[in-house]
Amino acid sequence: LPTPAFRRAALESRGGLWQIAGRTSN
């Protein structure tokens, strides 16, 4: 169970933070 801070840091570290969101209009 990741904390919100851990989840965001983990996604950033592996380059996946914008993987889905970056394919939207916003």
PDB file of all heavy atoms in Angstrom:
ATOM      1  N   LEU A   1       0.841  -1.195   0.000  1.00  0.00           N
ATOM      2  CA  LEU A   1       0.000   0.000   0.000  1.00  0.00           C
ATOM      3  C   LEU A   1       0.876   1.245   0.000  1.00  0.00           C
ATOM      4  O   LEU A   1       1.390   1.658   1.043  1.00  0.00           O
ATOM      5  CB  LEU A   1      -0.911  -0.007   1.228  1.00  0.00           C
ATOM      6  CG  LEU A   1      -1.735  -1.283   1.440  1.00  0.00           C
ATOM      7  CD1 LEU A   1      -2.467  -1.217   2.775  1.00  0.00           C
ATOM      8  CD2 LEU A   1      -2.718  -1.487   0.295  1.00  0.00           C
ATOM      9  N   PRO A   2       1.074   1.880  -1.163  1.00  0.00           N
ATOM     10  CA  PRO A   2       1.942   3.053  -1.226  1.00  0.00           C
ATOM     11  C   PRO A   2       1.265   4.318  -0.732  1.00  0.00           C
ATOM     12  O   PRO A   2       0.059   4.514  -0.945  1.00  0.00           O
ATOM     13  CB  PRO A   2       2.256   3.167  -2.725  1.00  0.00           C
ATOM     14  CG  PRO A   2       1.005   2.659  -3.380  1.00  0.00           C
ATOM     15  CD  PRO A   2       0.510   1.536  -2.480  1.00  0.00           C
ATOM     16  N   THR A   3       2.021   5.176  -0.065  1.00  0.00           N
ATOM     17  CA  THR A   3       1.510   6.502   0.249  1.00  0.00           C
ATOM     18  C   THR A   3       1.441   7.304  -1.053  1.00  0.00           C
ATOM     19  O   THR A   3       2.121   6.972  -2.035  1.00  0.00           O
ATOM     20  CB  THR A   3       2.433   7.226   1.236  1.00  0.00           C
ATOM     21  OG1 THR A   3       3.711   7.435   0.602  1.00  0.00           O
ATOM     22  CG2 THR A   3       2.615   6.424   2.521  1.00  0.00           C
ATOM     23  N   PRO A   4       0.641   8.375  -1.102  1.00  0.00           N
ATOM     24  CA  PRO A   4       0.587   9.201  -2.320  1.00  0.00           C
ATOM     25  C   PRO A   4       1.960   9.717  -2.739  1.00  0.00           C
ATOM     26  O   PRO A   4       2.279   9.737  -3.935  1.00  0.00           O
ATOM     27  CB  PRO A   4      -0.352  10.339  -1.916  1.00  0.00           C
ATOM     28  CG  PRO A   4      -1.248   9.731  -0.883  1.00  0.00           C
ATOM     29  CD  PRO A   4      -0.367   8.802  -0.105  1.00  0.00           C
ATOM     30  N   ALA A   5       2.787  10.104  -1.767  1.00  0.00           N
ATOM     31  CA  ALA A   5       4.118  10.615  -2.096  1.00  0.00           C
ATOM     32  C   ALA A   5       4.976   9.529  -2.722  1.00  0.00           C
ATOM     33  O   ALA A   5       5.718   9.775  -3.686  1.00  0.00           O
ATOM     34  CB  ALA A   5       4.793  11.174  -0.846  1.00  0.00           C
ATOM     35  N   PHE A   6       4.906   8.326  -2.182  1.00  0.00           N
ATOM     36  CA  PHE A   6       5.700   7.229  -2.733  1.00  0.00           C
ATOM     37  C   PHE A   6       5.224   6.890  -4.139  1.00  0.00           C
ATOM     38  O   PHE A   6       6.033   6.660  -5.038  1.00  0.00           O
ATOM     39  CB  PHE A   6       5.603   5.998  -1.827  1.00  0.00           C
ATOM     40  CG  PHE A   6       6.511   4.876  -2.264  1.00  0.00           C
ATOM     41  CD1 PHE A   6       7.786   4.768  -1.736  1.00  0.00           C
ATOM     42  CD2 PHE A   6       6.103   3.945  -3.212  1.00  0.00           C
ATOM     43  CE1 PHE A   6       8.640   3.743  -2.139  1.00  0.00           C
ATOM     44  CE2 PHE A   6       6.944   2.924  -3.622  1.00  0.00           C
ATOM     45  CZ  PHE A   6       8.220   2.816  -3.079  1.00  0.00           C
ATOM     46  N   ARG A   7       3.907   6.847  -4.341  1.00  0.00           N
ATOM     47  CA  ARG A   7       3.361   6.497  -5.646  1.00  0.00           C
ATOM     48  C   ARG A   7       3.834   7.484  -6.708  1.00  0.00           C
ATOM     49  O   ARG A   7       4.317   7.094  -7.772  1.00  0.00           O
ATOM     50  CB  ARG A   7       1.836   6.483  -5.602  1.00  0.00           C
ATOM     51  CG  ARG A   7       1.179   6.116  -6.937  1.00  0.00           C
ATOM     52  CD  ARG A   7      -0.331   6.245  -6.885  1.00  0.00           C
ATOM     53  NE  ARG A   7      -0.912   5.462  -5.814  1.00  0.00           N
ATOM     54  CZ  ARG A   7      -1.433   5.981  -4.703  1.00  0.00           C
ATOM     55  NH1 ARG A   7      -1.428   7.297  -4.515  1.00  0.00           N
ATOM     56  NH2 ARG A   7      -1.944   5.214  -3.788  1.00  0.00           N
ATOM     57  N   ARG A   8       3.734   8.774  -6.406  1.00  0.00           N
ATOM     58  CA  ARG A   8       4.136   9.780  -7.399  1.00  0.00           C
ATOM     59  C   ARG A   8       5.634   9.695  -7.682  1.00  0.00           C
ATOM     60  O   ARG A   8       6.052   9.764  -8.837  1.00  0.00           O
ATOM     61  CB  ARG A   8       3.759  11.177  -6.912  1.00  0.00           C
ATOM     62  CG  ARG A   8       4.057  12.243  -7.964  1.00  0.00           C
ATOM     63  CD  ARG A   8       3.584  13.629  -7.594  1.00  0.00           C
ATOM     64  NE  ARG A   8       3.846  14.534  -8.694  1.00  0.00           N
ATOM     65  CZ  ARG A   8       2.929  15.191  -9.377  1.00  0.00           C
ATOM     66  NH1 ARG A   8       1.649  15.027  -9.080  1.00  0.00           N
ATOM     67  NH2 ARG A   8       3.261  15.998 -10.355  1.00  0.00           N
ATOM     68  N   ALA A   9       6.433   9.555  -6.627  1.00  0.00           N
ATOM     69  CA  ALA A   9       7.887   9.465  -6.811  1.00  0.00           C
ATOM     70  C   ALA A   9       8.251   8.231  -7.634  1.00  0.00           C
ATOM     71  O   ALA A   9       9.148   8.281  -8.488  1.00  0.00           O
ATOM     72  CB  ALA A   9       8.580   9.432  -5.458  1.00  0.00           C
ATOM     73  N   ALA A  10       7.567   7.123  -7.389  1.00  0.00           N
ATOM     74  CA  ALA A  10       7.856   5.895  -8.124  1.00  0.00           C
ATOM     75  C   ALA A  10       7.524   6.062  -9.605  1.00  0.00           C
ATOM     76  O   ALA A  10       8.293   5.643 -10.478  1.00  0.00           O
ATOM     77  CB  ALA A  10       7.066   4.732  -7.529  1.00  0.00           C
ATOM     78  N   LEU A  11       6.394   6.676  -9.898  1.00  0.00           N
ATOM     79  CA  LEU A  11       6.015   6.887 -11.291  1.00  0.00           C
ATOM     80  C   LEU A  11       6.978   7.840 -11.982  1.00  0.00           C
ATOM     81  O   LEU A  11       7.337   7.640 -13.147  1.00  0.00           O
ATOM     82  CB  LEU A  11       4.583   7.414 -11.368  1.00  0.00           C
ATOM     83  CG  LEU A  11       3.485   6.442 -10.941  1.00  0.00           C
ATOM     84  CD1 LEU A  11       2.133   7.130 -10.915  1.00  0.00           C
ATOM     85  CD2 LEU A  11       3.437   5.229 -11.868  1.00  0.00           C
ATOM     86  N   GLU A  12       7.410   8.875 -11.276  1.00  0.00           N
ATOM     87  CA  GLU A  12       8.368   9.810 -11.845  1.00  0.00           C
ATOM     88  C   GLU A  12       9.698   9.129 -12.131  1.00  0.00           C
ATOM     89  O   GLU A  12      10.315   9.341 -13.182  1.00  0.00           O
ATOM     90  CB  GLU A  12       8.578  11.000 -10.903  1.00  0.00           C
ATOM     91  CG  GLU A  12       7.412  11.971 -10.876  1.00  0.00           C
ATOM     92  CD  GLU A  12       7.629  13.105  -9.881  1.00  0.00           C
ATOM     93  OE1 GLU A  12       8.423  12.915  -8.927  1.00  0.00           O
ATOM     94  OE2 GLU A  12       7.009  14.166 -10.061  1.00  0.00           O
ATOM     95  N   SER A  13      10.155   8.303 -11.215  1.00  0.00           N
ATOM     96  CA  SER A  13      11.468   7.672 -11.355  1.00  0.00           C
ATOM     97  C   SER A  13      11.534   6.718 -12.541  1.00  0.00           C
ATOM     98  O   SER A  13      12.587   6.542 -13.143  1.00  0.00           O
ATOM     99  CB  SER A  13      11.843   6.931 -10.066  1.00  0.00           C
ATOM    100  OG  SER A  13      11.014   5.787  -9.877  1.00  0.00           O
ATOM    101  N   ARG A  14      10.399   6.111 -12.873  1.00  0.00           N
ATOM    102  CA  ARG A  14      10.418   5.180 -14.006  1.00  0.00           C
ATOM    103  C   ARG A  14       9.823   5.779 -15.269  1.00  0.00           C
ATOM    104  O   ARG A  14       9.588   5.078 -16.246  1.00  0.00           O
ATOM    105  CB  ARG A  14       9.691   3.890 -13.626  1.00  0.00           C
ATOM    106  CG  ARG A  14       8.210   4.022 -13.358  1.00  0.00           C
ATOM    107  CD  ARG A  14       7.682   2.749 -12.711  1.00  0.00           C
ATOM    108  NE  ARG A  14       6.228   2.726 -12.644  1.00  0.00           N
ATOM    109  CZ  ARG A  14       5.551   1.966 -11.800  1.00  0.00           C
ATOM    110  NH1 ARG A  14       6.198   1.195 -10.958  1.00  0.00           N
ATOM    111  NH2 ARG A  14       4.230   1.961 -11.815  1.00  0.00           N
ATOM    112  N   GLY A  15       9.600   7.098 -15.252  1.00  0.00           N
ATOM    113  CA  GLY A  15       9.162   7.793 -16.450  1.00  0.00           C
ATOM    114  C   GLY A  15       7.724   7.546 -16.855  1.00  0.00           C
ATOM    115  O   GLY A  15       7.350   7.798 -18.003  1.00  0.00           O
ATOM    116  N   GLY A  16       6.915   7.083 -15.922  1.00  0.00           N
ATOM    117  CA  GLY A  16       5.541   6.756 -16.273  1.00  0.00           C
ATOM    118  C   GLY A  16       4.498   7.744 -15.788  1.00  0.00           C
ATOM    119  O   GLY A  16       3.302   7.510 -15.948  1.00  0.00           O
ATOM    120  N   LEU A  17       4.964   8.872 -15.206  1.00  0.00           N
ATOM    121  CA  LEU A  17       4.010   9.797 -14.602  1.00  0.00           C
ATOM    122  C   LEU A  17       3.019  10.355 -15.627  1.00  0.00           C
ATOM    123  O   LEU A  17       1.825  10.475 -15.343  1.00  0.00           O
ATOM    124  CB  LEU A  17       4.764  10.939 -13.912  1.00  0.00           C
ATOM    125  CG  LEU A  17       3.928  11.880 -13.039  1.00  0.00           C
ATOM    126  CD1 LEU A  17       3.299  11.115 -11.887  1.00  0.00           C
ATOM    127  CD2 LEU A  17       4.783  13.023 -12.499  1.00  0.00           C
ATOM    128  N   TRP A  18       3.513  10.672 -16.829  1.00  0.00           N
ATOM    129  CA  TRP A  18       2.659  11.287 -17.849  1.00  0.00           C
ATOM    130  C   TRP A  18       2.315  10.312 -18.971  1.00  0.00           C
ATOM    131  O   TRP A  18       1.790  10.712 -19.999  1.00  0.00           O
ATOM    132  CB  TRP A  18       3.348  12.519 -18.428  1.00  0.00           C
ATOM    133  CG  TRP A  18       3.605  13.573 -17.407  1.00  0.00           C
ATOM    134  CD1 TRP A  18       4.760  13.788 -16.720  1.00  0.00           C
ATOM    135  CD2 TRP A  18       2.675  14.549 -16.923  1.00  0.00           C
ATOM    136  NE1 TRP A  18       4.605  14.828 -15.836  1.00  0.00           N
ATOM    137  CE2 TRP A  18       3.350  15.317 -15.936  1.00  0.00           C
ATOM    138  CE3 TRP A  18       1.337  14.850 -17.225  1.00  0.00           C
ATOM    139  CZ2 TRP A  18       2.726  16.366 -15.256  1.00  0.00           C
ATOM    140  CZ3 TRP A  18       0.719  15.885 -16.553  1.00  0.00           C
ATOM    141  CH2 TRP A  18       1.412  16.636 -15.583  1.00  0.00           C
ATOM    142  N   GLN A  19       2.600   9.041 -18.781  1.00  0.00           N
ATOM    143  CA  GLN A  19       2.419   8.068 -19.849  1.00  0.00           C
ATOM    144  C   GLN A  19       0.980   8.028 -20.353  1.00  0.00           C
ATOM    145  O   GLN A  19       0.733   7.960 -21.561  1.00  0.00           O
ATOM    146  CB  GLN A  19       2.841   6.683 -19.368  1.00  0.00           C
ATOM    147  CG  GLN A  19       2.808   5.606 -20.451  1.00  0.00           C
ATOM    148  CD  GLN A  19       3.370   4.285 -19.952  1.00  0.00           C
ATOM    149  OE1 GLN A  19       3.618   4.107 -18.767  1.00  0.00           O
ATOM    150  NE2 GLN A  19       3.567   3.352 -20.867  1.00  0.00           N
ATOM    151  N   ILE A  20       0.027   8.041 -19.446  1.00  0.00           N
ATOM    152  CA  ILE A  20      -1.388   8.049 -19.831  1.00  0.00           C
ATOM    153  C   ILE A  20      -1.897   9.477 -19.968  1.00  0.00           C
ATOM    154  O   ILE A  20      -2.495   9.840 -20.982  1.00  0.00           O
ATOM    155  CB  ILE A  20      -2.234   7.274 -18.805  1.00  0.00           C
ATOM    156  CG1 ILE A  20      -1.890   5.785 -18.837  1.00  0.00           C
ATOM    157  CG2 ILE A  20      -3.733   7.468 -19.075  1.00  0.00           C
ATOM    158  CD1 ILE A  20      -2.602   4.970 -17.774  1.00  0.00           C
ATOM    159  N   ALA A  21      -1.645  10.286 -18.957  1.00  0.00           N
ATOM    160  CA  ALA A  21      -2.176  11.653 -18.946  1.00  0.00           C
ATOM    161  C   ALA A  21      -1.691  12.468 -20.143  1.00  0.00           C
ATOM    162  O   ALA A  21      -2.425  13.306 -20.671  1.00  0.00           O
ATOM    163  CB  ALA A  21      -1.773  12.353 -17.649  1.00  0.00           C
ATOM    164  N   GLY A  22      -0.459  12.208 -20.587  1.00  0.00           N
ATOM    165  CA  GLY A  22       0.101  12.963 -21.701  1.00  0.00           C
ATOM    166  C   GLY A  22      -0.574  12.698 -23.027  1.00  0.00           C
ATOM    167  O   GLY A  22      -0.333  13.421 -24.003  1.00  0.00           O
ATOM    168  N   ARG A  23      -1.416  11.700 -23.086  1.00  0.00           N
ATOM    169  CA  ARG A  23      -2.127  11.371 -24.330  1.00  0.00           C
ATOM    170  C   ARG A  23      -3.552  11.940 -24.337  1.00  0.00           C
ATOM    171  O   ARG A  23      -4.363  11.589 -25.187  1.00  0.00           O
ATOM    172  CB  ARG A  23      -2.159   9.853 -24.514  1.00  0.00           C
ATOM    173  CG  ARG A  23      -0.781   9.246 -24.717  1.00  0.00           C
ATOM    174  CD  ARG A  23      -0.770   7.748 -24.474  1.00  0.00           C
ATOM    175  NE  ARG A  23      -1.731   7.046 -25.320  1.00  0.00           N
ATOM    176  CZ  ARG A  23      -2.202   5.837 -25.075  1.00  0.00           C
ATOM    177  NH1 ARG A  23      -1.826   5.197 -23.966  1.00  0.00           N
ATOM    178  NH2 ARG A  23      -3.059   5.271 -25.891  1.00  0.00           N
ATOM    179  N   THR A  24      -3.853  12.810 -23.393  1.00  0.00           N
ATOM    180  CA  THR A  24      -5.163  13.452 -23.329  1.00  0.00           C
ATOM    181  C   THR A  24      -5.038  14.928 -23.713  1.00  0.00           C
ATOM    182  O   THR A  24      -3.937  15.455 -23.859  1.00  0.00           O
ATOM    183  CB  THR A  24      -5.769  13.363 -21.912  1.00  0.00           C
ATOM    184  OG1 THR A  24      -5.018  14.225 -21.028  1.00  0.00           O
ATOM    185  CG2 THR A  24      -5.718  11.939 -21.385  1.00  0.00           C
ATOM    186  N   SER A  25      -6.176  15.608 -23.823  1.00  0.00           N
ATOM    187  CA  SER A  25      -6.170  17.028 -24.164  1.00  0.00           C
ATOM    188  C   SER A  25      -5.868  17.911 -22.955  1.00  0.00           C
ATOM    189  O   SER A  25      -5.588  19.099 -23.113  1.00  0.00           O
ATOM    190  CB  SER A  25      -7.524  17.433 -24.765  1.00  0.00           C
ATOM    191  OG  SER A  25      -8.564  17.316 -23.792  1.00  0.00           O
ATOM    192  N   ASN A  26      -5.920  17.351 -21.768  1.00  0.00           N
ATOM    193  CA  ASN A  26      -5.671  18.101 -20.537  1.00  0.00           C
ATOM    194  C   ASN A  26      -4.829  17.235 -19.595  1.00  0.00           C
ATOM    195  O   ASN A  26      -5.347  16.652 -18.644  1.00  0.00           O
ATOM    196  CB  ASN A  26      -6.999  18.497 -19.885  1.00  0.00           C
ATOM    197  CG  ASN A  26      -6.820  19.502 -18.766  1.00  0.00           C
ATOM    198  OD1 ASN A  26      -5.751  19.594 -18.144  1.00  0.00           O
ATOM    199  ND2 ASN A  26      -7.868  20.275 -18.484  1.00  0.00           N
TER     200      ASN A  26
END
